[in-house]
């Protein structure tokens, strides 16, 4: 505290020292203004230009991204429409195939029924023919036993055939 009271304290002003500080400060500012400030300003301007370019590139990229997004949405809508169309066509085609198969199955069933009816009819005719032949033979045999000696076989067959024809007409 004694230094402060003697006049050499922190708050004391020394004129010579202040002039040297002022001179060095002016020299420093001149040197800085001539050599350092232009380099710093060039660097700042270059950085500002890069930032502007980056911002412009970002804006362009954003615009392209938005355009791509719109194009993608449009393509997605078109793809959905195509998918719906394909689904509709597939369903219609499946229905047509189903209808064709049903129709074909019906035709095959009708054909099978017709064939079965024809086969049954043929078997029925064959059975009737066999039955008539057997009845004729039995009738001839029984008649020949009854009339054993009175008629010959040829006459018997004629009688039986005429009898069967009369029966089939009834």
N, C-alpha and C. Protein backbone atom coordinates (compact mmCIF):
# COMPACT_ATOMS: atom_id res chain seq x y z
N UNK A 1 0.80 -1.16 0.00
CA UNK A 1 0.00 0.00 0.00
C UNK A 1 0.86 1.25 0.00
N UNK A 2 1.97 1.06 0.29
CA UNK A 2 2.88 2.19 0.32
C UNK A 2 3.22 2.63 -1.10
N UNK A 3 3.30 1.77 -1.99
CA UNK A 3 3.57 2.13 -3.36
C UNK A 3 2.45 2.99 -3.94
N UNK A 4 1.31 2.71 -3.54
CA UNK A 4 0.18 3.47 -4.04
C UNK A 4 0.22 4.91 -3.54
N UNK A 5 0.63 5.11 -2.35
CA UNK A 5 0.64 6.43 -1.78
C UNK A 5 1.84 7.27 -2.26
N UNK A 6 2.89 6.63 -2.68
CA UNK A 6 4.10 7.34 -3.08
C UNK A 6 3.98 7.87 -4.50
N UNK A 7 3.00 7.52 -5.23
CA UNK A 7 2.80 8.09 -6.55
C UNK A 7 3.17 7.11 -7.65
N UNK A 8 3.55 5.91 -7.42
CA UNK A 8 3.92 4.94 -8.45
C UNK A 8 2.89 3.85 -8.52
N UNK A 9 1.65 4.15 -8.25
CA UNK A 9 0.63 3.11 -8.17
C UNK A 9 0.03 2.77 -9.53
N UNK A 10 -0.95 1.97 -9.45
CA UNK A 10 -1.61 1.46 -10.65
C UNK A 10 -2.35 2.59 -11.36
N UNK A 11 -2.88 3.51 -10.67
CA UNK A 11 -3.67 4.56 -11.25
C UNK A 11 -2.83 5.79 -11.66
N UNK A 12 -1.56 5.69 -11.52
CA UNK A 12 -0.74 6.85 -11.89
C UNK A 12 -0.53 6.86 -13.40
N UNK A 13 -0.37 8.01 -14.01
CA UNK A 13 -0.23 8.17 -15.44
C UNK A 13 1.20 8.60 -15.74
N UNK A 14 1.81 7.89 -16.72
CA UNK A 14 3.16 8.21 -17.13
C UNK A 14 3.06 8.63 -18.60
N UNK A 15 3.36 9.80 -18.95
CA UNK A 15 3.20 10.37 -20.29
C UNK A 15 4.12 9.74 -21.30
N UNK A 16 5.39 9.49 -20.99
CA UNK A 16 6.35 8.90 -21.92
C UNK A 16 5.93 7.49 -22.32
N UNK A 17 5.51 6.78 -21.34
CA UNK A 17 5.07 5.40 -21.62
C UNK A 17 3.85 5.40 -22.53
N UNK A 18 2.93 6.32 -22.32
CA UNK A 18 1.72 6.42 -23.11
C UNK A 18 2.06 6.76 -24.55
N UNK A 19 3.08 7.61 -24.81
CA UNK A 19 3.46 7.96 -26.17
C UNK A 19 4.02 6.73 -26.87
N UNK A 20 4.87 5.99 -26.19
CA UNK A 20 5.44 4.76 -26.81
C UNK A 20 4.34 3.74 -27.10
N UNK A 21 3.39 3.64 -26.27
CA UNK A 21 2.26 2.71 -26.51
C UNK A 21 1.48 3.19 -27.71
N UNK A 22 1.30 4.51 -27.81
CA UNK A 22 0.55 5.07 -28.94
C UNK A 22 1.31 4.85 -30.25
N UNK A 23 2.62 5.08 -30.27
CA UNK A 23 3.43 4.91 -31.47
C UNK A 23 3.41 3.43 -31.89
N UNK A 24 3.63 2.54 -30.97
CA UNK A 24 3.64 1.11 -31.32
C UNK A 24 2.26 0.67 -31.79
N UNK A 25 1.26 1.24 -31.23
CA UNK A 25 -0.10 0.89 -31.65
C UNK A 25 -0.35 1.36 -33.07
N UNK A 26 0.08 2.56 -33.44
CA UNK A 26 -0.09 3.10 -34.78
C UNK A 26 0.71 2.25 -35.76
N UNK A 27 1.96 1.92 -35.42
CA UNK A 27 2.79 1.07 -36.28
C UNK A 27 2.12 -0.29 -36.46
N UNK A 28 1.66 -0.83 -35.37
CA UNK A 28 0.98 -2.15 -35.43
C UNK A 28 -0.23 -2.09 -36.37
N UNK A 29 -1.03 -1.02 -36.23
CA UNK A 29 -2.22 -0.88 -37.06
C UNK A 29 -1.84 -0.67 -38.53
N UNK A 30 -0.77 0.09 -38.81
CA UNK A 30 -0.32 0.29 -40.19
C UNK A 30 0.14 -1.04 -40.79
N UNK A 31 0.94 -1.79 -40.07
CA UNK A 31 1.43 -3.08 -40.56
C UNK A 31 0.25 -4.03 -40.77
N UNK A 32 -0.62 -4.04 -39.82
CA UNK A 32 -1.81 -4.90 -39.92
C UNK A 32 -2.65 -4.48 -41.11
N UNK A 33 -2.87 -3.19 -41.31
CA UNK A 33 -3.67 -2.68 -42.42
C UNK A 33 -3.03 -2.97 -43.76
N UNK A 34 -1.69 -2.95 -43.84
CA UNK A 34 -1.02 -3.18 -45.11
C UNK A 34 -0.90 -4.66 -45.44
N UNK A 35 -0.56 -5.48 -44.45
CA UNK A 35 -0.28 -6.89 -44.75
C UNK A 35 -1.36 -7.87 -44.27
N UNK A 36 -1.83 -7.77 -43.11
CA UNK A 36 -2.73 -8.78 -42.53
C UNK A 36 -4.19 -8.57 -42.91
N UNK A 37 -4.66 -7.32 -42.89
CA UNK A 37 -6.08 -7.07 -43.13
C UNK A 37 -6.48 -7.47 -44.55
N UNK A 38 -5.69 -7.15 -45.60
CA UNK A 38 -6.10 -7.59 -46.95
C UNK A 38 -6.18 -9.12 -47.05
N UNK A 39 -5.23 -9.81 -46.44
CA UNK A 39 -5.26 -11.28 -46.49
C UNK A 39 -6.49 -11.79 -45.74
N UNK A 40 -6.75 -11.23 -44.61
CA UNK A 40 -7.92 -11.64 -43.82
C UNK A 40 -9.20 -11.32 -44.58
N UNK A 41 -9.24 -10.13 -45.22
CA UNK A 41 -10.44 -9.74 -45.97
C UNK A 41 -10.65 -10.66 -47.19
N UNK A 42 -9.52 -10.99 -47.86
CA UNK A 42 -9.63 -11.92 -48.98
C UNK A 42 -10.17 -13.28 -48.51
N UNK A 43 -9.65 -13.74 -47.39
CA UNK A 43 -10.10 -15.03 -46.84
C UNK A 43 -11.57 -14.97 -46.47
N UNK A 44 -11.98 -13.84 -45.87
CA UNK A 44 -13.38 -13.68 -45.48
C UNK A 44 -14.27 -13.61 -46.72
N UNK A 45 -13.84 -12.86 -47.75
CA UNK A 45 -14.62 -12.77 -48.99
C UNK A 45 -14.72 -14.13 -49.67
N UNK A 46 -13.58 -14.85 -49.68
CA UNK A 46 -13.60 -16.19 -50.27
C UNK A 46 -14.55 -17.11 -49.50
N UNK A 47 -14.48 -17.03 -48.21
CA UNK A 47 -15.38 -17.85 -47.39
C UNK A 47 -16.83 -17.47 -47.62
N UNK A 48 -17.10 -16.16 -47.73
CA UNK A 48 -18.46 -15.68 -48.00
C UNK A 48 -18.95 -16.22 -49.35
N UNK A 49 -18.04 -16.19 -50.35
CA UNK A 49 -18.39 -16.73 -51.68
C UNK A 49 -18.70 -18.23 -51.61
N UNK A 50 -17.87 -18.98 -50.87
CA UNK A 50 -18.13 -20.42 -50.73
C UNK A 50 -19.45 -20.68 -50.02
N UNK A 51 -19.73 -19.87 -49.03
CA UNK A 51 -21.00 -20.04 -48.30
C UNK A 51 -22.17 -19.72 -49.22
N UNK A 52 -22.05 -18.64 -50.03
CA UNK A 52 -23.13 -18.32 -50.98
C UNK A 52 -23.30 -19.45 -51.99
N UNK A 53 -22.16 -19.96 -52.50
CA UNK A 53 -22.23 -21.08 -53.45
C UNK A 53 -22.87 -22.31 -52.80
N UNK A 54 -22.49 -22.56 -51.58
CA UNK A 54 -23.08 -23.70 -50.87
C UNK A 54 -24.57 -23.52 -50.67
N UNK A 55 -24.98 -22.29 -50.32
CA UNK A 55 -26.40 -22.02 -50.14
C UNK A 55 -27.16 -22.18 -51.46
N UNK A 56 -26.56 -21.67 -52.55
CA UNK A 56 -27.20 -21.82 -53.86
C UNK A 56 -27.29 -23.29 -54.26
N UNK A 57 -26.20 -24.01 -54.02
CA UNK A 57 -26.21 -25.46 -54.32
C UNK A 57 -27.25 -26.18 -53.49
N UNK A 58 -27.36 -25.79 -52.23
CA UNK A 58 -28.35 -26.41 -51.35
C UNK A 58 -29.76 -26.10 -51.83
N UNK A 59 -29.99 -24.85 -52.26
CA UNK A 59 -31.31 -24.49 -52.78
C UNK A 59 -31.62 -25.26 -54.06
N UNK A 60 -30.62 -25.39 -54.94
CA UNK A 60 -30.82 -26.17 -56.17
C UNK A 60 -31.09 -27.64 -55.84
N UNK A 61 -30.32 -28.16 -54.90
CA UNK A 61 -30.51 -29.56 -54.50
C UNK A 61 -31.89 -29.76 -53.88
N UNK A 62 -32.32 -28.78 -53.09
CA UNK A 62 -33.65 -28.85 -52.49
C UNK A 62 -34.73 -28.81 -53.57
N UNK A 63 -34.54 -27.93 -54.55
CA UNK A 63 -35.51 -27.84 -55.65
C UNK A 63 -35.54 -29.15 -56.43
N UNK A 64 -34.35 -29.72 -56.71
CA UNK A 64 -34.30 -31.02 -57.40
C UNK A 64 -34.96 -32.11 -56.57
N UNK A 65 -34.70 -32.09 -55.26
CA UNK A 65 -35.29 -33.10 -54.38
C UNK A 65 -36.82 -32.97 -54.37
N UNK A 66 -37.31 -31.74 -54.34
CA UNK A 66 -38.76 -31.55 -54.38
C UNK A 66 -39.34 -32.02 -55.72
N UNK A 67 -38.63 -31.73 -56.81
CA UNK A 67 -39.09 -32.19 -58.13
C UNK A 67 -39.08 -33.72 -58.19
N UNK A 68 -38.01 -34.31 -57.70
CA UNK A 68 -37.93 -35.78 -57.67
C UNK A 68 -39.04 -36.35 -56.80
N UNK A 69 -39.30 -35.70 -55.68
CA UNK A 69 -40.37 -36.16 -54.79
C UNK A 69 -41.73 -36.10 -55.50
N UNK A 70 -41.98 -34.99 -56.22
CA UNK A 70 -43.23 -34.88 -56.98
C UNK A 70 -43.30 -35.95 -58.06
N UNK A 71 -42.17 -36.15 -58.77
CA UNK A 71 -42.13 -37.18 -59.80
C UNK A 71 -42.37 -38.57 -59.20
N UNK A 72 -41.77 -38.81 -58.05
CA UNK A 72 -41.95 -40.11 -57.38
C UNK A 72 -43.41 -40.31 -56.96
N UNK A 73 -44.02 -39.24 -56.44
CA UNK A 73 -45.44 -39.35 -56.06
C UNK A 73 -46.30 -39.63 -57.28
N UNK A 74 -46.00 -38.95 -58.38
CA UNK A 74 -46.75 -39.16 -59.62
C UNK A 74 -46.55 -40.60 -60.10
N UNK A 75 -45.31 -41.07 -60.09
CA UNK A 75 -45.02 -42.44 -60.52
C UNK A 75 -45.70 -43.45 -59.61
N UNK A 76 -45.74 -43.16 -58.31
CA UNK A 76 -46.41 -44.05 -57.36
C UNK A 76 -47.90 -44.12 -57.65
N UNK A 77 -48.52 -42.96 -57.91
CA UNK A 77 -49.95 -42.96 -58.25
C UNK A 77 -50.20 -43.75 -59.53
N UNK A 78 -49.34 -43.54 -60.53
CA UNK A 78 -49.49 -44.28 -61.78
C UNK A 78 -49.31 -45.78 -61.56
N UNK A 79 -48.34 -46.14 -60.74
CA UNK A 79 -48.10 -47.55 -60.45
C UNK A 79 -49.30 -48.16 -59.72
N UNK A 80 -49.87 -47.40 -58.79
CA UNK A 80 -51.06 -47.90 -58.09
C UNK A 80 -52.22 -48.09 -59.06
N UNK A 81 -52.40 -47.14 -59.98
CA UNK A 81 -53.47 -47.27 -60.97
C UNK A 81 -53.23 -48.49 -61.86
N UNK A 82 -51.99 -48.68 -62.29
CA UNK A 82 -51.67 -49.84 -63.12
C UNK A 82 -51.91 -51.14 -62.35
N UNK A 83 -51.52 -51.14 -61.07
CA UNK A 83 -51.71 -52.34 -60.25
C UNK A 83 -53.20 -52.64 -60.10
N UNK A 84 -54.01 -51.60 -59.88
CA UNK A 84 -55.45 -51.82 -59.78
C UNK A 84 -56.02 -52.34 -61.09
N UNK A 85 -55.53 -51.80 -62.20
CA UNK A 85 -55.99 -52.25 -63.52
C UNK A 85 -55.60 -53.71 -63.73
N UNK A 86 -54.38 -54.06 -63.39
CA UNK A 86 -53.92 -55.44 -63.54
C UNK A 86 -54.74 -56.37 -62.66
N UNK A 87 -55.00 -55.95 -61.40
CA UNK A 87 -55.83 -56.77 -60.50
C UNK A 87 -57.22 -56.97 -61.09
N UNK A 88 -57.80 -55.91 -61.62
CA UNK A 88 -59.14 -55.99 -62.21
C UNK A 88 -59.13 -56.95 -63.40
N UNK A 89 -58.12 -56.81 -64.27
CA UNK A 89 -58.02 -57.70 -65.43
C UNK A 89 -57.82 -59.15 -65.00
N UNK A 90 -57.01 -59.36 -63.97
CA UNK A 90 -56.76 -60.72 -63.48
C UNK A 90 -58.05 -61.33 -62.93
N UNK A 91 -58.83 -60.53 -62.21
CA UNK A 91 -60.09 -61.02 -61.65
C UNK A 91 -61.05 -61.36 -62.78
N UNK A 92 -61.12 -60.46 -63.79
CA UNK A 92 -62.02 -60.72 -64.92
C UNK A 92 -61.58 -61.97 -65.68
N UNK A 93 -60.28 -62.12 -65.87
CA UNK A 93 -59.76 -63.29 -66.58
C UNK A 93 -60.04 -64.57 -65.79
N UNK A 94 -59.88 -64.49 -64.48
CA UNK A 94 -60.16 -65.65 -63.63
C UNK A 94 -61.64 -66.02 -63.70
N UNK A 95 -62.50 -65.01 -63.72
CA UNK A 95 -63.93 -65.28 -63.84
C UNK A 95 -64.25 -65.92 -65.18
N UNK A 96 -63.61 -65.43 -66.24
CA UNK A 96 -63.85 -66.01 -67.57
C UNK A 96 -63.37 -67.46 -67.60
N UNK A 97 -62.20 -67.72 -67.03
CA UNK A 97 -61.68 -69.08 -67.00
C UNK A 97 -62.60 -69.98 -66.19
N UNK A 98 -63.07 -69.46 -65.08
CA UNK A 98 -63.97 -70.23 -64.22
C UNK A 98 -65.26 -70.56 -64.98
N UNK A 99 -65.82 -69.55 -65.68
CA UNK A 99 -67.05 -69.76 -66.45
C UNK A 99 -66.81 -70.77 -67.57
N UNK A 100 -65.64 -70.66 -68.23
CA UNK A 100 -65.32 -71.60 -69.31
C UNK A 100 -65.20 -73.02 -68.76
N UNK A 101 -64.54 -73.16 -67.63
CA UNK A 101 -64.38 -74.49 -67.02
C UNK A 101 -65.72 -75.07 -66.60
N UNK A 102 -66.57 -74.22 -66.05
CA UNK A 102 -67.89 -74.71 -65.64
C UNK A 102 -68.66 -75.16 -66.87
N UNK A 103 -68.61 -74.34 -67.94
CA UNK A 103 -69.32 -74.69 -69.18
C UNK A 103 -68.76 -75.99 -69.76
N UNK A 104 -67.45 -76.10 -69.76
CA UNK A 104 -66.82 -77.32 -70.29
C UNK A 104 -67.21 -78.52 -69.45
N UNK A 105 -67.24 -78.36 -68.13
CA UNK A 105 -67.63 -79.46 -67.24
C UNK A 105 -69.07 -79.87 -67.49
N UNK A 106 -69.95 -78.86 -67.71
CA UNK A 106 -71.35 -79.17 -67.99
C UNK A 106 -71.47 -79.95 -69.30
N UNK A 107 -70.71 -79.50 -70.31
CA UNK A 107 -70.75 -80.19 -71.60
C UNK A 107 -70.25 -81.63 -71.46
N UNK A 108 -69.16 -81.80 -70.71
CA UNK A 108 -68.63 -83.15 -70.50
C UNK A 108 -69.64 -84.02 -69.75
N UNK A 109 -70.28 -83.44 -68.75
CA UNK A 109 -71.28 -84.19 -67.99
C UNK A 109 -72.45 -84.59 -68.90
N UNK A 110 -72.90 -83.64 -69.73
CA UNK A 110 -74.00 -83.96 -70.65
C UNK A 110 -73.58 -85.05 -71.64
N UNK A 111 -72.35 -84.95 -72.11
CA UNK A 111 -71.84 -85.96 -73.04
C UNK A 111 -71.78 -87.33 -72.35
N UNK A 112 -71.31 -87.33 -71.11
CA UNK A 112 -71.23 -88.60 -70.36
C UNK A 112 -72.62 -89.17 -70.12
N UNK A 113 -73.58 -88.30 -69.81
CA UNK A 113 -74.96 -88.76 -69.58
C UNK A 113 -75.53 -89.32 -70.88
N UNK A 114 -75.29 -88.63 -71.99
CA UNK A 114 -75.78 -89.10 -73.29
C UNK A 114 -75.17 -90.46 -73.63
N UNK A 115 -73.85 -90.59 -73.41
CA UNK A 115 -73.19 -91.87 -73.67
C UNK A 115 -73.74 -92.97 -72.78
N UNK A 116 -73.98 -92.63 -71.51
CA UNK A 116 -74.52 -93.62 -70.58
C UNK A 116 -75.92 -94.04 -71.00
N UNK A 117 -76.73 -93.07 -71.42
CA UNK A 117 -78.08 -93.41 -71.87
C UNK A 117 -78.03 -94.30 -73.10
N UNK A 118 -77.14 -93.97 -74.04
CA UNK A 118 -77.00 -94.80 -75.24
C UNK A 118 -76.53 -96.20 -74.88
N UNK A 119 -75.57 -96.26 -73.97
CA UNK A 119 -75.06 -97.56 -73.55
C UNK A 119 -76.15 -98.38 -72.87
N UNK A 120 -76.93 -97.72 -72.02
CA UNK A 120 -78.03 -98.41 -71.33
C UNK A 120 -79.06 -98.88 -72.34
N UNK A 121 -79.36 -98.03 -73.31
CA UNK A 121 -80.34 -98.40 -74.33
C UNK A 121 -79.85 -99.60 -75.14
N UNK A 122 -78.57 -99.59 -75.50
CA UNK A 122 -78.01 -100.71 -76.26
C UNK A 122 -78.05 -101.99 -75.42
N UNK A 123 -77.68 -101.87 -74.14
CA UNK A 123 -77.71 -103.04 -73.26
C UNK A 123 -79.13 -103.55 -73.09
N UNK A 124 -80.07 -102.61 -73.01
CA UNK A 124 -81.48 -102.99 -72.87
C UNK A 124 -81.94 -103.75 -74.11
N UNK A 125 -81.61 -103.23 -75.31
CA UNK A 125 -81.99 -103.90 -76.56
C UNK A 125 -81.35 -105.27 -76.65
N UNK A 126 -80.05 -105.34 -76.28
CA UNK A 126 -79.36 -106.62 -76.32
C UNK A 126 -79.98 -107.61 -75.35
N UNK A 127 -80.32 -107.13 -74.17
CA UNK A 127 -80.94 -108.01 -73.17
C UNK A 127 -82.31 -108.48 -73.65
N UNK A 128 -83.07 -107.55 -74.26
CA UNK A 128 -84.39 -107.94 -74.78
C UNK A 128 -84.25 -108.98 -75.91
N UNK A 129 -83.25 -108.75 -76.76
CA UNK A 129 -83.02 -109.70 -77.85
C UNK A 129 -82.65 -111.07 -77.29
N UNK A 130 -81.75 -111.08 -76.31
CA UNK A 130 -81.35 -112.35 -75.70
C UNK A 130 -82.54 -113.00 -75.01
N UNK A 131 -83.36 -112.17 -74.36
CA UNK A 131 -84.53 -112.71 -73.66
C UNK A 131 -85.51 -113.30 -74.67
N UNK A 132 -85.72 -112.60 -75.77
CA UNK A 132 -86.64 -113.12 -76.79
C UNK A 132 -86.12 -114.44 -77.37
N UNK A 133 -84.79 -114.44 -77.65
CA UNK A 133 -84.22 -115.68 -78.19
C UNK A 133 -84.39 -116.83 -77.20
N UNK A 134 -84.14 -116.55 -75.94
CA UNK A 134 -84.27 -117.61 -74.94
C UNK A 134 -85.72 -118.04 -74.78
N UNK A 135 -86.63 -117.04 -74.77
CA UNK A 135 -88.06 -117.38 -74.68
C UNK A 135 -88.47 -118.19 -75.89
N UNK A 136 -87.94 -117.82 -77.07
CA UNK A 136 -88.27 -118.56 -78.28
C UNK A 136 -87.77 -119.99 -78.18
N UNK A 137 -86.56 -120.15 -77.69
CA UNK A 137 -86.03 -121.50 -77.56
C UNK A 137 -86.84 -122.32 -76.56
N UNK A 138 -87.17 -121.66 -75.44
CA UNK A 138 -87.98 -122.37 -74.44
C UNK A 138 -89.36 -122.73 -74.99
N UNK A 139 -89.92 -121.79 -75.74
CA UNK A 139 -91.24 -122.05 -76.31
C UNK A 139 -91.17 -123.18 -77.33
N UNK A 140 -90.10 -123.17 -78.12
CA UNK A 140 -89.94 -124.23 -79.12
C UNK A 140 -89.74 -125.58 -78.43
N UNK A 141 -88.92 -125.53 -77.38
CA UNK A 141 -88.68 -126.79 -76.67
C UNK A 141 -89.96 -127.31 -76.02
N UNK A 142 -90.68 -126.40 -75.38
CA UNK A 142 -91.91 -126.86 -74.74
C UNK A 142 -92.96 -127.28 -75.75
N UNK A 143 -93.04 -126.52 -76.85
CA UNK A 143 -94.01 -126.89 -77.88
C UNK A 143 -93.62 -128.20 -78.54
N UNK A 144 -92.32 -128.39 -78.75
CA UNK A 144 -91.90 -129.64 -79.39
C UNK A 144 -92.15 -130.82 -78.47
N UNK A 145 -92.08 -130.65 -77.23
CA UNK A 145 -92.39 -131.74 -76.32
C UNK A 145 -93.88 -132.02 -76.32
N UNK A 146 -94.65 -130.94 -76.39
CA UNK A 146 -96.10 -131.14 -76.37
C UNK A 146 -96.54 -131.78 -77.67
N UNK A 147 -96.10 -131.26 -78.73
CA UNK A 147 -96.55 -131.77 -80.02
C UNK A 147 -95.43 -132.66 -80.59
N UNK A 148 -94.89 -133.39 -79.89
CA UNK A 148 -93.66 -134.11 -80.16
C UNK A 148 -93.57 -134.62 -81.58
N UNK A 149 -94.49 -135.20 -82.09
CA UNK A 149 -94.36 -135.80 -83.40
C UNK A 149 -95.19 -135.12 -84.45
N UNK A 150 -96.10 -134.30 -84.12
CA UNK A 150 -97.03 -133.72 -85.08
C UNK A 150 -96.39 -132.66 -85.97
N UNK A 151 -95.49 -131.84 -85.50
CA UNK A 151 -94.90 -130.76 -86.30
C UNK A 151 -93.38 -130.90 -86.37
N UNK A 152 -92.82 -130.38 -87.41
CA UNK A 152 -91.35 -130.43 -87.48
C UNK A 152 -90.74 -129.14 -86.91
N UNK A 153 -89.43 -129.09 -86.82
CA UNK A 153 -88.73 -127.97 -86.17
C UNK A 153 -88.88 -126.68 -86.94
N UNK A 154 -88.88 -126.71 -88.22
CA UNK A 154 -89.00 -125.50 -89.02
C UNK A 154 -90.36 -124.86 -88.82
N UNK A 155 -91.37 -125.64 -88.78
CA UNK A 155 -92.70 -125.09 -88.52
C UNK A 155 -92.78 -124.54 -87.12
N UNK A 156 -92.18 -125.20 -86.18
CA UNK A 156 -92.19 -124.72 -84.78
C UNK A 156 -91.52 -123.35 -84.69
N UNK A 157 -90.39 -123.18 -85.33
CA UNK A 157 -89.67 -121.90 -85.28
C UNK A 157 -90.52 -120.79 -85.89
N UNK A 158 -91.23 -121.09 -86.99
CA UNK A 158 -92.10 -120.09 -87.59
C UNK A 158 -93.23 -119.71 -86.66
N UNK A 159 -93.79 -120.67 -86.00
CA UNK A 159 -94.87 -120.39 -85.05
C UNK A 159 -94.37 -119.52 -83.90
N UNK A 160 -93.23 -119.87 -83.36
CA UNK A 160 -92.68 -119.11 -82.22
C UNK A 160 -92.34 -117.69 -82.65
N UNK A 161 -91.71 -117.52 -83.82
CA UNK A 161 -91.36 -116.17 -84.31
C UNK A 161 -92.59 -115.31 -84.48
N UNK A 162 -93.63 -115.89 -85.04
CA UNK A 162 -94.86 -115.12 -85.20
C UNK A 162 -95.47 -114.79 -83.85
N UNK A 163 -95.36 -115.70 -82.90
CA UNK A 163 -95.87 -115.47 -81.55
C UNK A 163 -95.11 -114.31 -80.87
N UNK A 164 -93.78 -114.32 -81.03
CA UNK A 164 -92.95 -113.26 -80.42
C UNK A 164 -93.23 -111.90 -81.07
N UNK A 165 -93.44 -111.90 -82.35
CA UNK A 165 -93.76 -110.65 -83.03
C UNK A 165 -95.08 -110.11 -82.54
N UNK A 166 -96.01 -111.01 -82.32
CA UNK A 166 -97.31 -110.57 -81.78
C UNK A 166 -97.13 -110.01 -80.38
N UNK A 167 -96.29 -110.63 -79.59
CA UNK A 167 -96.06 -110.17 -78.22
C UNK A 167 -95.38 -108.81 -78.23
N UNK A 168 -94.35 -108.62 -79.08
CA UNK A 168 -93.62 -107.34 -79.11
C UNK A 168 -94.49 -106.21 -79.60
N UNK A 169 -95.52 -106.48 -80.39
CA UNK A 169 -96.45 -105.44 -80.83
C UNK A 169 -97.33 -104.98 -79.69
N UNK A 170 -97.57 -105.83 -78.76
CA UNK A 170 -98.41 -105.49 -77.63
C UNK A 170 -97.53 -104.74 -76.65
